[in-house]
PDB file of N, CA and C in Angstrom:
ATOM      1  N   MET A   1      -5.109  -3.493   2.647  1.00  0.00           N
ATOM      2  CA  MET A   1      -5.026  -4.943   2.783  1.00  0.00           C
ATOM      3  C   MET A   1      -4.084  -5.559   3.578  1.00  0.00           C
ATOM      4  N   GLU A   2      -4.475  -6.529   4.581  1.00  0.00           N
ATOM      5  CA  GLU A   2      -3.411  -7.031   5.340  1.00  0.00           C
ATOM      6  C   GLU A   2      -2.389  -7.879   4.754  1.00  0.00           C
ATOM      7  N   THR A   3      -2.736  -8.605   3.616  1.00  0.00           N
ATOM      8  CA  THR A   3      -1.619  -9.227   2.768  1.00  0.00           C
ATOM      9  C   THR A   3      -0.537  -8.305   2.105  1.00  0.00           C
ATOM     10  N   ARG A   4      -1.018  -7.400   1.758  1.00  0.00           N
ATOM     11  CA  ARG A   4      -0.102  -6.306   0.983  1.00  0.00           C
ATOM     12  C   ARG A   4       0.694  -5.752   2.022  1.00  0.00           C
ATOM     13  N   GLU A   5       0.218  -5.375   3.174  1.00  0.00           N
ATOM     14  CA  GLU A   5       0.907  -4.612   4.127  1.00  0.00           C
ATOM     15  C   GLU A   5       1.904  -5.470   4.920  1.00  0.00           C
ATOM     16  N   LYS A   6       1.486  -6.752   5.041  1.00  0.00           N
ATOM     17  CA  LYS A   6       2.598  -7.659   5.735  1.00  0.00           C
ATOM     18  C   LYS A   6       3.841  -7.642   4.767  1.00  0.00           C
ATOM     19  N   VAL A   7       3.673  -7.920   3.502  1.00  0.00           N
ATOM     20  CA  VAL A   7       4.767  -8.056   2.475  1.00  0.00           C
ATOM     21  C   VAL A   7       5.452  -6.741   2.447  1.00  0.00           C
ATOM     22  N   ARG A   8       4.827  -5.479   2.477  1.00  0.00           N
ATOM     23  CA  ARG A   8       5.426  -4.242   2.498  1.00  0.00           C
ATOM     24  C   ARG A   8       6.303  -4.041   3.633  1.00  0.00           C
ATOM     25  N   ARG A   9       5.755  -4.491   4.879  1.00  0.00           N
ATOM     26  CA  ARG A   9       6.551  -4.349   6.036  1.00  0.00           C
ATOM     27  C   ARG A   9       7.856  -5.243   6.044  1.00  0.00           C
ATOM     28  N   TYR A  10       7.743  -6.307   5.572  1.00  0.00           N
ATOM     29  CA  TYR A  10       8.751  -7.372   5.529  1.00  0.00           C
ATOM     30  C   TYR A  10       9.906  -6.675   4.633  1.00  0.00           C
ATOM     31  N   LEU A  11       9.457  -6.132   3.308  1.00  0.00           N
ATOM     32  CA  LEU A  11      10.561  -5.685   2.498  1.00  0.00           C
ATOM     33  C   LEU A  11      11.203  -4.360   3.206  1.00  0.00           C
ATOM     34  N   TYR A  12      10.379  -3.607   3.892  1.00  0.00           N
ATOM     35  CA  TYR A  12      10.872  -2.325   4.379  1.00  0.00           C
ATOM     36  C   TYR A  12      11.975  -2.815   5.658  1.00  0.00           C
ATOM     37  N   HIS A  13      11.744  -3.705   6.318  1.00  0.00           N
ATOM     38  CA  HIS A  13      12.724  -4.009   7.291  1.00  0.00           C
ATOM     39  C   HIS A  13      13.721  -4.951   7.077  1.00  0.00           C
ATOM     40  N   ASN A  14      13.639  -5.731   5.869  1.00  0.00           N
ATOM     41  CA  ASN A  14      14.690  -6.853   5.502  1.00  0.00           C
ATOM     42  C   ASN A  14      15.236  -6.627   4.310  1.00  0.00           C
ATOM     43  N   VAL A  15      14.869  -5.669   3.465  1.00  0.00           N
ATOM     44  CA  VAL A  15      15.587  -5.462   2.142  1.00  0.00           C
ATOM     45  C   VAL A  15      15.721  -4.025   1.834  1.00  0.00           C
ATOM     46  N   GLY A  16      14.808  -3.133   1.975  1.00  0.00           N
ATOM     47  CA  GLY A  16      15.271  -1.705   1.795  1.00  0.00           C
ATOM     48  C   GLY A  16      13.853  -0.883   1.454  1.00  0.00           C
ATOM     49  N   ASN A  17      13.975   0.378   1.267  1.00  0.00           N
ATOM     50  CA  ASN A  17      12.818   1.261   1.047  1.00  0.00           C
ATOM     51  C   ASN A  17      12.629   1.417  -0.423  1.00  0.00           C
ATOM     52  N   MET A  18      13.387   0.891  -1.299  1.00  0.00           N
ATOM     53  CA  MET A  18      13.162   1.164  -2.751  1.00  0.00           C
ATOM     54  C   MET A  18      12.270   0.012  -3.251  1.00  0.00           C
ATOM     55  N   LEU A  19      11.752  -0.819  -2.501  1.00  0.00           N
ATOM     56  CA  LEU A  19      10.800  -1.946  -2.849  1.00  0.00           C
ATOM     57  C   LEU A  19       9.508  -1.806  -2.124  1.00  0.00           C
ATOM     58  N   THR A  20       8.492  -2.231  -2.786  1.00  0.00           N
ATOM     59  CA  THR A  20       7.145  -2.207  -2.115  1.00  0.00           C
ATOM     60  C   THR A  20       6.379  -3.418  -2.635  1.00  0.00           C
ATOM     61  N   ALA A  21       5.321  -3.674  -2.036  1.00  0.00           N
ATOM     62  CA  ALA A  21       4.488  -4.758  -2.488  1.00  0.00           C
ATOM     63  C   ALA A  21       3.054  -4.193  -3.381  1.00  0.00           C
ATOM     64  N   SER A  22       2.883  -4.954  -4.414  1.00  0.00           N
ATOM     65  CA  SER A  22       1.766  -4.597  -5.388  1.00  0.00           C
ATOM     66  C   SER A  22       0.603  -5.359  -4.920  1.00  0.00           C
ATOM     67  N   ARG A  23      -0.645  -5.336  -5.647  1.00  0.00           N
ATOM     68  CA  ARG A  23      -1.785  -5.781  -5.346  1.00  0.00           C
ATOM     69  C   ARG A  23      -1.763  -7.262  -5.245  1.00  0.00           C
ATOM     70  N   PRO A  24      -2.293  -7.734  -4.159  1.00  0.00           N
ATOM     71  CA  PRO A  24      -2.186  -9.422  -4.157  1.00  0.00           C
ATOM     72  C   PRO A  24      -3.336  -9.983  -4.870  1.00  0.00           C
ATOM     73  N   ALA A  25      -3.110 -11.125  -5.216  1.00  0.00           N
ATOM     74  CA  ALA A  25      -3.928 -11.953  -5.895  1.00  0.00           C
ATOM     75  C   ALA A  25      -3.938 -13.424  -5.366  1.00  0.00           C
ATOM     76  N   PHE A  26      -5.325 -13.920  -4.997  1.00  0.00           N
ATOM     77  CA  PHE A  26      -5.321 -14.967  -4.265  1.00  0.00           C
ATOM     78  C   PHE A  26      -5.631 -16.251  -5.445  1.00  0.00           C
ATOM     79  N   ASP A  27      -4.882 -17.335  -5.332  1.00  0.00           N
ATOM     80  CA  ASP A  27      -4.921 -18.507  -6.140  1.00  0.00           C
ATOM     81  C   ASP A  27      -5.795 -19.519  -5.579  1.00  0.00           C
ATOM     82  N   LEU A  28      -6.899 -19.864  -6.188  1.00  0.00           N
ATOM     83  CA  LEU A  28      -7.823 -20.782  -5.518  1.00  0.00           C
ATOM     84  C   LEU A  28      -7.297 -22.342  -5.690  1.00  0.00           C
ATOM     85  N   LYS A  29      -6.544 -22.489  -6.560  1.00  0.00           N
ATOM     86  CA  LYS A  29      -6.098 -24.058  -6.744  1.00  0.00           C
ATOM     87  C   LYS A  29      -4.863 -24.211  -5.621  1.00  0.00           C
ATOM     88  N   THR A  30      -4.105 -23.207  -5.284  1.00  0.00           N
ATOM     89  CA  THR A  30      -3.069 -23.564  -4.338  1.00  0.00           C
ATOM     90  C   THR A  30      -3.439 -22.970  -3.066  1.00  0.00           C
ATOM     91  N   ASN A  31      -4.304 -22.094  -2.876  1.00  0.00           N
ATOM     92  CA  ASN A  31      -4.769 -21.497  -1.624  1.00  0.00           C
ATOM     93  C   ASN A  31      -3.592 -20.522  -1.183  1.00  0.00           C
ATOM     94  N   HIS A  32      -2.967 -19.880  -2.149  1.00  0.00           N
ATOM     95  CA  HIS A  32      -1.859 -19.009  -1.642  1.00  0.00           C
ATOM     96  C   HIS A  32      -2.147 -17.625  -2.186  1.00  0.00           C
ATOM     97  N   TRP A  33      -1.863 -16.693  -1.538  1.00  0.00           N
ATOM     98  CA  TRP A  33      -1.556 -15.253  -2.011  1.00  0.00           C
ATOM     99  C   TRP A  33      -0.513 -15.184  -2.806  1.00  0.00           C
ATOM    100  N   HIS A  34      -0.471 -14.385  -3.848  1.00  0.00           N
ATOM    101  CA  HIS A  34       0.718 -14.006  -4.671  1.00  0.00           C
ATOM    102  C   HIS A  34       0.696 -12.522  -4.820  1.00  0.00           C
ATOM    103  N   VAL A  35       1.852 -11.964  -4.190  1.00  0.00           N
ATOM    104  CA  VAL A  35       2.162 -10.545  -4.233  1.00  0.00           C
ATOM    105  C   VAL A  35       3.393 -10.254  -4.843  1.00  0.00           C
ATOM    106  N   PRO A  36       3.047  -9.320  -5.860  1.00  0.00           N
ATOM    107  CA  PRO A  36       4.313  -8.985  -6.731  1.00  0.00           C
ATOM    108  C   PRO A  36       5.190  -7.744  -5.841  1.00  0.00           C
ATOM    109  N   VAL A  37       6.393  -7.855  -6.174  1.00  0.00           N
ATOM    110  CA  VAL A  37       7.300  -6.971  -5.567  1.00  0.00           C
ATOM    111  C   VAL A  37       7.784  -5.981  -6.645  1.00  0.00           C
ATOM    112  N   LEU A  38       7.407  -4.646  -6.262  1.00  0.00           N
ATOM    113  CA  LEU A  38       7.882  -3.517  -7.198  1.00  0.00           C
ATOM    114  C   LEU A  38       9.208  -2.995  -6.642  1.00  0.00           C
ATOM    115  N   CYS A  39      10.036  -2.503  -7.574  1.00  0.00           N
ATOM    116  CA  CYS A  39      11.218  -1.690  -7.190  1.00  0.00           C
ATOM    117  C   CYS A  39      11.192  -0.331  -7.946  1.00  0.00           C
ATOM    118  N   LYS A  40      11.263   0.760  -7.335  1.00  0.00           N
ATOM    119  CA  LYS A  40      11.243   2.021  -8.044  1.00  0.00           C
ATOM    120  C   LYS A  40      12.641   2.388  -8.269  1.00  0.00           C
ATOM    121  N   THR A  41      13.026   2.792  -9.581  1.00  0.00           N
ATOM    122  CA  THR A  41      14.257   3.232 -10.061  1.00  0.00           C
ATOM    123  C   THR A  41      14.051   4.480 -10.905  1.00  0.00           C
ATOM    124  N   ASP A  42      15.178   5.182 -11.211  1.00  0.00           N
ATOM    125  CA  ASP A  42      15.176   6.251 -11.916  1.00  0.00           C
ATOM    126  C   ASP A  42      14.827   6.041 -13.350  1.00  0.00           C
ATOM    127  N   ARG A  43      14.609   4.767 -13.874  1.00  0.00           N
ATOM    128  CA  ARG A  43      14.239   4.478 -15.087  1.00  0.00           C
ATOM    129  C   ARG A  43      13.061   3.832 -15.124  1.00  0.00           C
ATOM    130  N   GLY A  44      12.153   3.942 -13.920  1.00  0.00           N
ATOM    131  CA  GLY A  44      10.901   3.273 -14.016  1.00  0.00           C
ATOM    132  C   GLY A  44      10.628   2.365 -12.690  1.00  0.00           C
ATOM    133  N   ILE A  45       9.375   1.808 -12.666  1.00  0.00           N
ATOM    134  CA  ILE A  45       9.040   0.872 -11.696  1.00  0.00           C
ATOM    135  C   ILE A  45       9.028  -0.529 -12.326  1.00  0.00           C
ATOM    136  N   PHE A  46       9.514  -1.516 -11.884  1.00  0.00           N
ATOM    137  CA  PHE A  46       9.779  -2.784 -12.295  1.00  0.00           C
ATOM    138  C   PHE A  46       9.277  -3.795 -11.278  1.00  0.00           C
ATOM    139  N   VAL A  47       8.620  -5.013 -11.655  1.00  0.00           N
ATOM    140  CA  VAL A  47       8.302  -6.090 -10.979  1.00  0.00           C
ATOM    141  C   VAL A  47       9.616  -6.948 -10.812  1.00  0.00           C
ATOM    142  N   VAL A  48       9.988  -7.192  -9.727  1.00  0.00           N
ATOM    143  CA  VAL A  48      11.354  -7.824  -9.429  1.00  0.00           C
ATOM    144  C   VAL A  48      11.212  -9.289  -8.621  1.00  0.00           C
ATOM    145  N   GLY A  49       9.989  -9.591  -8.213  1.00  0.00           N
ATOM    146  CA  GLY A  49       9.756 -10.783  -7.653  1.00  0.00           C
ATOM    147  C   GLY A  49       8.334 -11.017  -7.192  1.00  0.00           C
ATOM    148  N   GLU A  50       8.059 -12.121  -6.443  1.00  0.00           N
ATOM    149  CA  GLU A  50       6.761 -12.363  -5.877  1.00  0.00           C
ATOM    150  C   GLU A  50       6.738 -13.150  -4.801  1.00  0.00           C
ATOM    151  N   PHE A  51       6.132 -12.670  -3.656  1.00  0.00           N
ATOM    152  CA  PHE A  51       5.918 -13.366  -2.391  1.00  0.00           C
ATOM    153  C   PHE A  51       4.626 -14.296  -2.470  1.00  0.00           C
ATOM    154  N   GLN A  52       4.789 -15.398  -1.666  1.00  0.00           N
ATOM    155  CA  GLN A  52       3.563 -16.163  -1.652  1.00  0.00           C
ATOM    156  C   GLN A  52       3.333 -16.526  -0.315  1.00  0.00           C
ATOM    157  N   LEU A  53       1.930 -16.271   0.118  1.00  0.00           N
ATOM    158  CA  LEU A  53       1.660 -16.630   1.450  1.00  0.00           C
ATOM    159  C   LEU A  53       0.573 -17.403   1.500  1.00  0.00           C
ATOM    160  N   ASP A  54       0.202 -18.081   2.601  1.00  0.00           N
ATOM    161  CA  ASP A  54      -0.891 -19.101   2.606  1.00  0.00           C
ATOM    162  C   ASP A  54      -2.155 -18.364   3.041  1.00  0.00           C
ATOM    163  N   GLU A  55      -3.160 -19.000   3.212  1.00  0.00           N
ATOM    164  CA  GLU A  55      -4.463 -18.308   3.424  1.00  0.00           C
ATOM    165  C   GLU A  55      -4.510 -17.679   4.914  1.00  0.00           C
ATOM    166  N   ASP A  56      -3.639 -18.171   5.787  1.00  0.00           N
ATOM    167  CA  ASP A  56      -3.522 -17.650   7.166  1.00  0.00           C
ATOM    168  C   ASP A  56      -2.463 -16.571   7.211  1.00  0.00           C
ATOM    169  N   LEU A  57      -1.931 -16.221   5.965  1.00  0.00           N
ATOM    170  CA  LEU A  57      -0.886 -15.098   5.815  1.00  0.00           C
ATOM    171  C   LEU A  57       0.501 -15.542   6.384  1.00  0.00           C
ATOM    172  N   ASN A  58       0.732 -16.775   6.383  1.00  0.00           N
ATOM    173  CA  ASN A  58       2.191 -17.235   6.629  1.00  0.00           C
ATOM    174  C   ASN A  58       2.968 -17.267   5.371  1.00  0.00           C
ATOM    175  N   PHE A  59       4.162 -16.749   5.448  1.00  0.00           N
ATOM    176  CA  PHE A  59       4.881 -16.709   4.235  1.00  0.00           C
ATOM    177  C   PHE A  59       5.296 -18.191   3.843  1.00  0.00           C
ATOM    178  N   VAL A  60       5.062 -18.352   2.631  1.00  0.00           N
ATOM    179  CA  VAL A  60       5.411 -19.610   1.869  1.00  0.00           C
ATOM    180  C   VAL A  60       6.531 -19.539   1.099  1.00  0.00           C
ATOM    181  N   PHE A  61       6.748 -18.498   0.331  1.00  0.00           N
ATOM    182  CA  PHE A  61       8.026 -18.292  -0.511  1.00  0.00           C
ATOM    183  C   PHE A  61       8.345 -16.722  -0.546  1.00  0.00           C
ATOM    184  N   ILE A  62       9.630 -16.587  -0.266  1.00  0.00           N
ATOM    185  CA  ILE A  62      10.127 -15.097  -0.287  1.00  0.00           C
ATOM    186  C   ILE A  62      11.366 -15.175  -1.019  1.00  0.00           C
ATOM    187  N   PRO A  63      11.393 -14.348  -2.097  1.00  0.00           N
ATOM    188  CA  PRO A  63      12.499 -14.351  -3.009  1.00  0.00           C
ATOM    189  C   PRO A  63      13.554 -13.494  -2.299  1.00  0.00           C
ATOM    190  N   THR A  64      14.802 -14.007  -2.375  1.00  0.00           N
ATOM    191  CA  THR A  64      15.896 -13.390  -1.771  1.00  0.00           C
ATOM    192  C   THR A  64      16.414 -11.958  -2.494  1.00  0.00           C
ATOM    193  N   LYS A  65      17.106 -11.211  -1.622  1.00  0.00           N
ATOM    194  CA  LYS A  65      17.449  -9.862  -2.193  1.00  0.00           C
ATOM    195  C   LYS A  65      18.215 -10.015  -3.372  1.00  0.00           C
ATOM    196  N   GLU A  66      19.184 -11.057  -3.535  1.00  0.00           N
ATOM    197  CA  GLU A  66      19.988 -11.390  -4.486  1.00  0.00           C
ATOM    198  C   GLU A  66      19.073 -11.716  -5.792  1.00  0.00           C
ATOM    199  N   GLU A  67      18.159 -12.494  -5.653  1.00  0.00           N
ATOM    200  CA  GLU A  67      17.338 -12.835  -6.847  1.00  0.00           C
ATOM    201  C   GLU A  67      16.536 -11.774  -7.303  1.00  0.00           C
ATOM    202  N   MET A  68      16.080 -10.830  -6.509  1.00  0.00           N
ATOM    203  CA  MET A  68      15.272  -9.707  -6.969  1.00  0.00           C
ATOM    204  C   MET A  68      16.164  -8.661  -7.608  1.00  0.00           C
ATOM    205  N   LEU A  69      17.420  -8.521  -7.008  1.00  0.00           N
ATOM    206  CA  LEU A  69      18.465  -7.775  -7.750  1.00  0.00           C
ATOM    207  C   LEU A  69      18.643  -8.207  -9.122  1.00  0.00           C
ATOM    208  N   ALA A  70      18.962  -9.351  -9.293  1.00  0.00           N
ATOM    209  CA  ALA A  70      19.350 -10.202 -10.567  1.00  0.00           C
ATOM    210  C   ALA A  70      18.224  -9.821 -11.504  1.00  0.00           C
ATOM    211  N   VAL A  71      16.926 -10.168 -11.272  1.00  0.00           N
ATOM    212  CA  VAL A  71      15.877  -9.680 -12.070  1.00  0.00           C
ATOM    213  C   VAL A  71      15.938  -8.207 -12.443  1.00  0.00           C
ATOM    214  N   LEU A  72      16.055  -7.395 -11.556  1.00  0.00           N
ATOM    215  CA  LEU A  72      16.067  -5.921 -11.791  1.00  0.00           C
ATOM    216  C   LEU A  72      17.185  -5.468 -12.824  1.00  0.00           C
ATOM    217  N   GLU A  73      18.405  -6.201 -12.548  1.00  0.00           N
ATOM    218  CA  GLU A  73      19.428  -5.812 -13.509  1.00  0.00           C
ATOM    219  C   GLU A  73      19.197  -6.340 -14.910  1.00  0.00           C
ATOM    220  N   ALA A  74      18.610  -7.567 -14.994  1.00  0.00           N
ATOM    221  CA  ALA A  74      18.233  -8.107 -16.288  1.00  0.00           C
ATOM    222  C   ALA A  74      17.202  -7.140 -17.038  1.00  0.00           C
ATOM    223  N   GLN A  75      16.273  -6.573 -16.210  1.00  0.00           N
ATOM    224  CA  GLN A  75      15.191  -5.689 -16.922  1.00  0.00           C
ATOM    225  C   GLN A  75      15.708  -4.370 -17.270  1.00  0.00           C
ATOM    226  N   LEU A  76      16.788  -3.921 -16.413  1.00  0.00           N
ATOM    227  CA  LEU A  76      17.350  -2.684 -16.639  1.00  0.00           C
ATOM    228  C   LEU A  76      18.179  -2.625 -18.011  1.00  0.00           C
ATOM    229  N   GLU A  77      18.791  -3.856 -18.109  1.00  0.00           N
ATOM    230  CA  GLU A  77      19.691  -3.970 -19.232  1.00  0.00           C
ATOM    231  C   GLU A  77      18.971  -3.967 -20.683  1.00  0.00           C
ATOM    232  N   HIS A  78      17.641  -4.211 -20.501  1.00  0.00           N
ATOM    233  CA  HIS A  78      16.814  -4.357 -21.842  1.00  0.00           C
ATOM    234  C   HIS A  78      15.688  -3.162 -21.812  1.00  0.00           C
ATOM    235  N   THR A  79      15.944  -2.274 -20.927  1.00  0.00           N
ATOM    236  CA  THR A  79      14.988  -1.081 -20.900  1.00  0.00           C
ATOM    237  C   THR A  79      15.744   0.024 -21.713  1.00  0.00           C
ATOM    238  N   LEU A  80      14.853   0.461 -22.538  1.00  0.00           N
ATOM    239  CA  LEU A  80      15.443   1.774 -23.411  1.00  0.00           C
ATOM    240  C   LEU A  80      15.409   2.997 -22.432  1.00  0.00           C
ATOM    241  N   THR A  81      16.240   3.981 -22.726  1.00  0.00           N
ATOM    242  CA  THR A  81      16.394   5.232 -22.018  1.00  0.00           C
ATOM    243  C   THR A  81      16.376   6.361 -23.077  1.00  0.00           C
ATOM    244  N   LEU A  82      15.602   7.317 -22.804  1.00  0.00           N
ATOM    245  CA  LEU A  82      15.524   8.597 -23.770  1.00  0.00           C
ATOM    246  C   LEU A  82      16.752   9.411 -23.318  1.00  0.00           C
ATOM    247  N   VAL A  83      17.649   9.575 -24.330  1.00  0.00           N
ATOM    248  CA  VAL A  83      18.692  10.510 -24.219  1.00  0.00           C
ATOM    249  C   VAL A  83      18.434  11.637 -25.327  1.00  0.00           C
ATOM    250  N   THR A  84      18.810  12.764 -24.964  1.00  0.00           N
ATOM    251  CA  THR A  84      18.814  14.040 -25.831  1.00  0.00           C
ATOM    252  C   THR A  84      20.026  14.420 -26.412  1.00  0.00           C
ATOM    253  N   ASP A  85      21.140  13.555 -26.171  1.00  0.00           N
ATOM    254  CA  ASP A  85      22.431  13.979 -26.640  1.00  0.00           C
ATOM    255  C   ASP A  85      22.392  13.677 -28.244  1.00  0.00           C
ATOM    256  N   LYS A  86      23.476  14.135 -28.807  1.00  0.00           N
ATOM    257  CA  LYS A  86      23.553  13.973 -30.336  1.00  0.00           C
ATOM    258  C   LYS A  86      24.168  12.448 -30.401  1.00  0.00           C
ATOM    259  N   PRO A  87      23.826  11.931 -31.374  1.00  0.00           N
ATOM    260  CA  PRO A  87      24.413  10.471 -31.720  1.00  0.00           C
ATOM    261  C   PRO A  87      25.748  10.144 -31.544  1.00  0.00           C
ATOM    262  N   ASP A  88      26.537  11.061 -32.155  1.00  0.00           N
ATOM    263  CA  ASP A  88      28.139  10.877 -31.857  1.00  0.00           C
ATOM    264  C   ASP A  88      28.311  10.746 -30.499  1.00  0.00           C
ATOM    265  N   GLU A  89      27.646  11.535 -29.373  1.00  0.00           N
ATOM    266  CA  GLU A  89      28.027  11.761 -28.160  1.00  0.00           C
ATOM    267  C   GLU A  89      27.472  10.370 -27.446  1.00  0.00           C
ATOM    268  N   VAL A  90      26.468  10.027 -27.938  1.00  0.00           N
ATOM    269  CA  VAL A  90      25.878   8.817 -27.379  1.00  0.00           C
ATOM    270  C   VAL A  90      26.771   7.597 -27.719  1.00  0.00           C
ATOM    271  N   ARG A  91      27.357   7.504 -29.015  1.00  0.00           N
ATOM    272  CA  ARG A  91      28.290   6.574 -29.291  1.00  0.00           C
ATOM    273  C   ARG A  91      29.556   6.421 -28.438  1.00  0.00           C
ATOM    274  N   MET A  92      29.922   7.783 -28.194  1.00  0.00           N
ATOM    275  CA  MET A  92      31.177   7.829 -27.218  1.00  0.00           C
ATOM    276  C   MET A  92      31.013   7.289 -25.745  1.00  0.00           C
ATOM    277  N   LYS A  93      29.530   6.948 -25.441  1.00  0.00           N
ATOM    278  CA  LYS A  93      29.495   6.747 -24.105  1.00  0.00           C
ATOM    279  C   LYS A  93      29.298   5.016 -24.200  1.00  0.00           C
ATOM    280  N   GLY A  94      29.387   4.591 -25.325  1.00  0.00           N
ATOM    281  CA  GLY A  94      29.245   3.043 -25.555  1.00  0.00           C
ATOM    282  C   GLY A  94      27.858   2.747 -25.769  1.00  0.00           C
ATOM    283  N   LEU A  95      26.796   3.557 -26.099  1.00  0.00           N
ATOM    284  CA  LEU A  95      25.631   3.181 -26.449  1.00  0.00           C
ATOM    285  C   LEU A  95      25.320   3.261 -27.740  1.00  0.00           C
ATOM    286  N   THR A  96      24.325   2.563 -28.165  1.00  0.00           N
ATOM    287  CA  THR A  96      23.724   2.471 -29.460  1.00  0.00           C
ATOM    288  C   THR A  96      22.585   3.399 -29.763  1.00  0.00           C
ATOM    289  N   PRO A  97      22.851   4.525 -30.431  1.00  0.00           N
ATOM    290  CA  PRO A  97      21.690   5.474 -30.694  1.00  0.00           C
ATOM    291  C   PRO A  97      20.573   4.969 -31.503  1.00  0.00           C
ATOM    292  N   GLY A  98      19.490   5.493 -31.349  1.00  0.00           N
ATOM    293  CA  GLY A  98      18.345   5.050 -32.217  1.00  0.00           C
ATOM    294  C   GLY A  98      17.427   6.416 -32.218  1.00  0.00           C
ATOM    295  N   THR A  99      16.515   6.527 -33.071  1.00  0.00           N
ATOM    296  CA  THR A  99      15.654   7.642 -33.259  1.00  0.00           C
ATOM    297  C   THR A  99      14.263   7.033 -33.221  1.00  0.00           C
ATOM    298  N   ILE A 100      13.389   8.007 -32.617  1.00  0.00           N
ATOM    299  CA  ILE A 100      12.082   7.866 -32.593  1.00  0.00           C
ATOM    300  C   ILE A 100      11.191   8.652 -33.717  1.00  0.00           C
TER     301      ILE A 100
END
């Protein structure tokens, strides 16, 4: 799809290759395309922002690299990580162990 590809190219050339565009959705009320931005990390894939384009595919809103990084950091802070270390070793790393 043209919309997704335009955002994907913008991200690649202006932000970096760890980001990509997700599936666009068209809002009939505003006549804007909304394109979520995905960031791939070693802890998963996260939505870190959203581009908006008008019906002629002109950019209306572009989140800054700093805004997307802040969203990613906030999400990573609240994301659980599976660790196979013993509880005492996990505590020594400054983490709070839990069990499943």
